[in-house]
Amino acid sequence: MDSKPSKPFQGDLDVYLAALDSVLPAEAVHGVYLTGSAALGDYRHGQSDLDILTLTTRALTEDELTGLGQLHKTLETGAQPHTDAHYISRECLGKLPLEHAAGHGYVVDGEFQRGMSGQELVAWAILDRHGITVRGPEAKSLGAAPDAGEFKAWNRGNLDGYWRMRALQVHQAISERDPDDEFLPYFAVWLGTGPGRLHRTIATGEIISKTQCADYTAELLPGYADLLKRVKASRLGDGSVTFTMNDGRLLGDLVEEVCDAAKSLP
């Protein structure tokens, strides 16, 4: 049996389900599942987004997509955490995202978009291995696992594209700042617990949480262990942990080194 939703996000989940029932007819919904930090056992109340995957029985109509957009606009508070979501037809299970995905939608940082996000292979992998079933067939029975080669290639591409660019942007943004100025903890945690997860997937095929990523990256790059210890503490809710622009520079370096290290993996 899949694990059941735990109390920290149950209230938000109940609100979402009631809103979903007012927008989509029951016949259009194949199942509702939790992915992301909730599924990986790393949900932090008041900090983690609630990641929901709603599998549909068919492509959705324009009116239904408009309704979902309004649903998430109503749920959105304008700040972390968000209720993020994917609305994907079950025929797409395990597959690469469609280039033209009419009848599908997704929400990132609380904003609803039509189409597919490009993150679907990650969603399929988490659904298959760790997904929490809210409604519908049990997650593990869906056969959602993506092709291993495609998933590894996606992770390589995301490191070389998305994460290298983020490191460059960080370096550019702080290049003229006082090294002792504050670097926001949110961004420190984001940089310190992101790229290492992809490295682990490329290396082993496993998917780890953000908190686990801090430890994994510290083992991979011991020179950053002390900084990553502080990143982990901040991730776990220690409000006394602060970061400086110099820490931000080091985290930008860390991202680049993780990307470089992944290139040497078979």
Protein backbone atom coordinates (compact mmCIF):
# COMPACT_ATOMS: atom_id res chain seq x y z
CA MET A 1 0.00 0.00 0.00
CA ASP A 2 1.12 3.56 -0.68
CA SER A 3 1.69 5.78 2.30
CA LYS A 4 -1.14 8.11 3.25
CA PRO A 5 -1.02 11.92 3.40
CA SER A 6 0.29 13.18 6.73
CA LYS A 7 -1.24 15.97 8.77
CA PRO A 8 1.09 18.88 7.93
CA PHE A 9 -0.42 19.27 4.47
CA GLN A 10 -3.80 17.59 4.93
CA GLY A 11 -5.68 20.86 5.36
CA ASP A 12 -4.25 22.37 2.17
CA LEU A 13 -4.90 19.11 0.35
CA ASP A 14 -8.54 19.03 1.43
CA VAL A 15 -9.04 22.60 0.22
CA TYR A 16 -7.52 21.68 -3.13
CA LEU A 17 -9.67 18.56 -3.56
CA ALA A 18 -12.88 20.47 -2.82
CA ALA A 19 -11.89 23.10 -5.39
CA LEU A 20 -10.94 20.43 -7.95
CA ASP A 21 -14.35 18.79 -7.59
CA SER A 22 -15.99 22.10 -8.44
CA VAL A 23 -14.01 22.42 -11.69
CA LEU A 24 -13.53 18.95 -13.18
CA PRO A 25 -16.24 16.30 -13.49
CA ALA A 26 -15.49 13.02 -11.74
CA GLU A 27 -15.29 11.19 -15.07
CA ALA A 28 -12.38 13.38 -16.16
CA VAL A 29 -10.17 12.50 -13.17
CA HIS A 30 -8.28 9.19 -13.21
CA GLY A 31 -6.33 9.82 -10.02
CA VAL A 32 -4.76 12.41 -7.74
CA TYR A 33 -1.26 11.93 -6.29
CA LEU A 34 1.31 13.76 -4.21
CA THR A 35 4.85 14.04 -5.54
CA GLY A 36 7.69 16.40 -4.60
CA SER A 37 8.83 16.83 -1.00
CA ALA A 38 5.66 15.31 0.44
CA ALA A 39 6.26 12.03 -1.38
CA LEU A 40 9.99 12.05 -0.56
CA GLY A 41 9.37 12.44 3.17
CA ASP A 42 10.90 15.91 3.25
CA TYR A 43 7.85 18.18 3.51
CA ARG A 44 8.43 21.28 5.66
CA HIS A 45 5.21 22.94 6.76
CA GLY A 46 5.16 26.62 5.82
CA GLN A 47 8.21 26.18 3.59
CA SER A 48 7.62 23.35 1.10
CA ASP A 49 5.37 23.62 -1.93
CA LEU A 50 2.60 21.03 -2.11
CA ASP A 51 3.18 19.19 -5.41
CA ILE A 52 0.07 17.53 -6.82
CA LEU A 53 -0.21 15.37 -9.91
CA THR A 54 -3.74 14.97 -11.25
CA LEU A 55 -4.03 12.32 -13.94
CA THR A 56 -6.95 12.88 -16.26
CA THR A 57 -8.83 10.38 -18.38
CA ARG A 58 -8.60 12.62 -21.43
CA ALA A 59 -7.31 15.95 -22.67
CA LEU A 60 -9.10 18.77 -20.88
CA THR A 61 -11.33 21.33 -22.57
CA GLU A 62 -10.53 25.03 -22.76
CA ASP A 63 -13.31 25.75 -20.25
CA GLU A 64 -11.86 23.19 -17.85
CA LEU A 65 -8.36 24.64 -18.20
CA THR A 66 -9.74 28.13 -17.59
CA GLY A 67 -11.47 26.81 -14.49
CA LEU A 68 -8.25 25.29 -13.21
CA GLY A 69 -6.45 28.57 -13.79
CA GLN A 70 -9.04 30.33 -11.66
CA LEU A 71 -8.80 27.59 -9.04
CA HIS A 72 -5.08 28.13 -8.56
CA LYS A 73 -5.44 31.89 -8.67
CA THR A 74 -7.83 31.55 -5.73
CA LEU A 75 -5.50 29.22 -3.83
CA GLU A 76 -2.41 31.35 -4.41
CA THR A 77 -1.18 33.46 -1.49
CA GLY A 78 1.58 35.21 -3.43
CA ALA A 79 4.41 33.72 -1.40
CA GLN A 80 5.95 30.41 -0.38
CA PRO A 81 4.63 27.81 -0.04
CA HIS A 82 2.57 27.26 -3.20
CA THR A 83 0.15 24.60 -4.34
CA ASP A 84 1.85 23.46 -7.54
CA ALA A 85 0.31 20.92 -9.88
CA HIS A 86 0.39 18.96 -13.12
CA TYR A 87 -2.73 18.03 -15.08
CA ILE A 88 -1.76 15.29 -17.52
CA SER A 89 -3.79 12.64 -19.31
CA ARG A 90 -3.02 9.05 -18.30
CA GLU A 91 -2.00 8.16 -21.86
CA CYS A 92 1.14 10.26 -21.30
CA LEU A 93 2.32 8.21 -18.30
CA GLY A 94 6.06 7.64 -18.31
CA LYS A 95 6.64 9.51 -21.57
CA LEU A 96 8.65 12.55 -22.51
CA PRO A 97 6.54 15.75 -22.47
CA LEU A 98 4.65 16.49 -25.66
CA GLU A 99 5.84 19.47 -27.70
CA HIS A 100 2.27 20.58 -28.33
CA ALA A 101 0.27 19.48 -25.30
CA ALA A 102 -3.22 20.87 -25.84
CA GLY A 103 -5.59 19.89 -23.05
CA HIS A 104 -2.88 19.77 -20.38
CA GLY A 105 -1.72 22.26 -17.78
CA TYR A 106 0.68 22.84 -14.92
CA VAL A 107 1.30 25.24 -12.07
CA VAL A 108 4.74 26.48 -10.96
CA ASP A 109 5.17 29.02 -8.16
CA GLY A 110 1.40 29.35 -8.09
CA GLU A 111 1.01 30.39 -11.74
CA PHE A 112 -1.12 28.27 -14.04
CA GLN A 113 0.17 27.56 -17.54
CA ARG A 114 -1.26 25.58 -20.45
CA GLY A 115 0.81 22.72 -21.87
CA MET A 116 3.54 20.73 -20.15
CA SER A 117 6.28 22.01 -17.88
CA GLY A 118 9.17 19.89 -19.17
CA GLN A 119 9.53 18.37 -15.67
CA GLU A 120 7.26 15.43 -16.40
CA LEU A 121 9.96 12.73 -16.33
CA VAL A 122 10.79 13.71 -12.76
CA ALA A 123 7.11 13.58 -11.84
CA TRP A 124 6.78 10.10 -13.38
CA ALA A 125 9.83 8.78 -11.54
CA ILE A 126 8.69 10.12 -8.17
CA LEU A 127 5.15 8.90 -8.80
CA ASP A 128 6.39 5.41 -9.62
CA ARG A 129 8.79 5.06 -6.69
CA HIS A 130 7.42 7.30 -3.96
CA GLY A 131 4.04 8.70 -5.01
CA ILE A 132 1.31 9.11 -2.39
CA THR A 133 -2.12 8.07 -3.63
CA VAL A 134 -4.88 10.50 -2.75
CA ARG A 135 -7.52 9.26 -5.20
CA GLY A 136 -7.60 6.57 -7.85
CA PRO A 137 -5.37 3.54 -8.51
CA GLU A 138 -2.35 3.13 -6.27
CA ALA A 139 0.68 5.00 -7.60
CA LYS A 140 2.89 1.94 -7.82
CA SER A 141 0.32 0.13 -9.97
CA LEU A 142 0.39 2.74 -12.74
CA GLY A 143 3.67 1.72 -14.37
CA ALA A 144 4.72 5.38 -14.61
CA ALA A 145 8.49 4.84 -14.55
CA PRO A 146 10.21 6.75 -17.37
CA ASP A 147 12.78 5.14 -19.63
CA ALA A 148 16.05 5.04 -17.67
CA GLY A 149 18.15 6.37 -20.54
CA GLU A 150 15.76 9.23 -21.28
CA PHE A 151 15.61 10.14 -17.60
CA LYS A 152 19.40 10.18 -17.24
CA ALA A 153 19.73 12.30 -20.39
CA TRP A 154 17.14 14.75 -19.09
CA ASN A 155 19.05 15.18 -15.83
CA ARG A 156 22.30 15.80 -17.72
CA GLY A 157 20.60 18.38 -19.89
CA ASN A 158 19.05 20.12 -16.91
CA LEU A 159 22.43 20.42 -15.19
CA ASP A 160 24.23 21.73 -18.27
CA GLY A 161 21.42 24.08 -19.22
CA TYR A 162 19.31 25.28 -16.31
CA TRP A 163 21.75 24.96 -13.41
CA ARG A 164 24.85 26.30 -15.17
CA MET A 165 22.84 29.33 -16.17
CA ARG A 166 21.64 29.83 -12.59
CA ALA A 167 25.24 29.74 -11.35
CA LEU A 168 26.24 32.36 -13.93
CA GLN A 169 23.32 34.57 -12.94
CA VAL A 170 24.23 34.33 -9.26
CA HIS A 171 27.82 35.32 -9.94
CA GLN A 172 26.72 38.24 -12.08
CA ALA A 173 24.14 39.43 -9.54
CA ILE A 174 26.55 39.51 -6.60
CA SER A 175 29.74 40.57 -8.39
CA GLU A 176 29.50 44.18 -7.23
CA ARG A 177 27.92 43.55 -3.83
CA ASP A 178 29.71 43.79 -0.50
CA PRO A 179 30.83 40.24 0.38
CA ASP A 180 29.34 40.70 3.87
CA ASP A 181 25.88 41.73 2.65
CA GLU A 182 23.06 39.31 3.36
CA PHE A 183 22.37 36.49 0.89
CA LEU A 184 18.81 35.30 1.36
CA PRO A 185 18.53 31.86 3.01
CA TYR A 186 15.85 30.80 0.51
CA PHE A 187 18.32 31.15 -2.37
CA ALA A 188 21.12 29.52 -0.39
CA VAL A 189 18.98 26.46 0.24
CA TRP A 190 17.81 26.40 -3.38
CA LEU A 191 21.37 26.40 -4.72
CA GLY A 192 22.74 24.02 -2.13
CA THR A 193 20.01 21.38 -2.39
CA GLY A 194 19.20 21.40 -6.10
CA PRO A 195 21.92 20.27 -8.53
CA GLY A 196 23.27 17.48 -6.32
CA ARG A 197 19.95 15.66 -6.61
CA LEU A 198 20.41 15.42 -10.36
CA HIS A 199 23.98 14.19 -9.96
CA ARG A 200 22.73 11.41 -7.67
CA THR A 201 20.09 10.38 -10.21
CA ILE A 202 22.65 10.25 -13.03
CA ALA A 203 25.06 8.27 -10.85
CA THR A 204 22.65 5.77 -9.30
CA GLY A 205 19.18 6.24 -10.78
CA GLU A 206 17.88 7.17 -7.32
CA ILE A 207 15.83 10.24 -6.42
CA ILE A 208 16.74 11.95 -3.15
CA SER A 209 15.14 14.78 -1.21
CA LYS A 210 16.53 18.27 -0.82
CA THR A 211 17.63 17.60 2.74
CA GLN A 212 19.40 14.40 1.69
CA CYS A 213 21.02 16.35 -1.14
CA ALA A 214 22.91 18.58 1.29
CA ASP A 215 24.62 15.53 2.80
CA TYR A 216 25.20 13.90 -0.58
CA THR A 217 26.79 17.02 -2.07
CA ALA A 218 28.99 17.44 1.01
CA GLU A 219 30.34 13.94 0.42
CA LEU A 220 30.79 14.65 -3.28
CA LEU A 221 32.54 18.00 -2.69
CA PRO A 222 34.02 17.95 0.85
CA GLY A 223 35.39 21.47 0.50
CA TYR A 224 31.85 22.79 0.80
CA ALA A 225 30.84 20.57 3.74
CA ASP A 226 30.68 23.36 6.35
CA LEU A 227 28.62 25.59 4.08
CA LEU A 228 26.28 22.72 3.24
CA LYS A 229 25.86 21.93 6.93
CA ARG A 230 24.48 25.45 7.38
CA VAL A 231 22.32 25.06 4.26
CA LYS A 232 20.84 21.88 5.70
CA ALA A 233 20.16 23.55 9.06
CA SER A 234 18.36 26.39 7.29
CA ARG A 235 16.36 23.89 5.24
CA LEU A 236 15.31 22.17 8.49
CA GLY A 237 14.02 25.44 9.91
CA ASP A 238 16.90 26.93 11.89
CA GLY A 239 16.15 30.64 11.59
CA SER A 240 19.39 31.62 13.25
CA VAL A 241 21.41 30.56 10.20
CA THR A 242 22.39 33.46 7.95
CA PHE A 243 24.32 33.72 4.70
CA THR A 244 26.46 36.41 3.09
CA MET A 245 27.16 37.35 -0.50
CA ASN A 246 30.44 35.50 -0.15
CA ASP A 247 28.43 32.38 0.68
CA GLY A 248 26.37 33.06 -2.41
CA ARG A 249 29.52 33.20 -4.52
CA LEU A 250 30.67 29.88 -3.07
CA LEU A 251 27.28 28.32 -3.77
CA GLY A 252 27.52 29.48 -7.37
CA ASP A 253 30.92 27.78 -7.53
CA LEU A 254 29.42 24.66 -5.98
CA VAL A 255 26.72 24.47 -8.65
CA GLU A 256 29.35 24.66 -11.39
CA GLU A 257 31.45 21.96 -9.74
CA VAL A 258 28.47 19.62 -9.43
CA CYS A 259 27.76 20.16 -13.14
CA ASP A 260 31.40 19.42 -13.96
CA ALA A 261 31.41 16.31 -11.79
CA ALA A 262 28.33 14.96 -13.57
CA LYS A 263 30.15 15.17 -16.90
CA SER A 264 32.59 12.51 -15.76
CA LEU A 265 29.83 10.04 -14.88
CA PRO A 266 29.30 7.16 -17.34
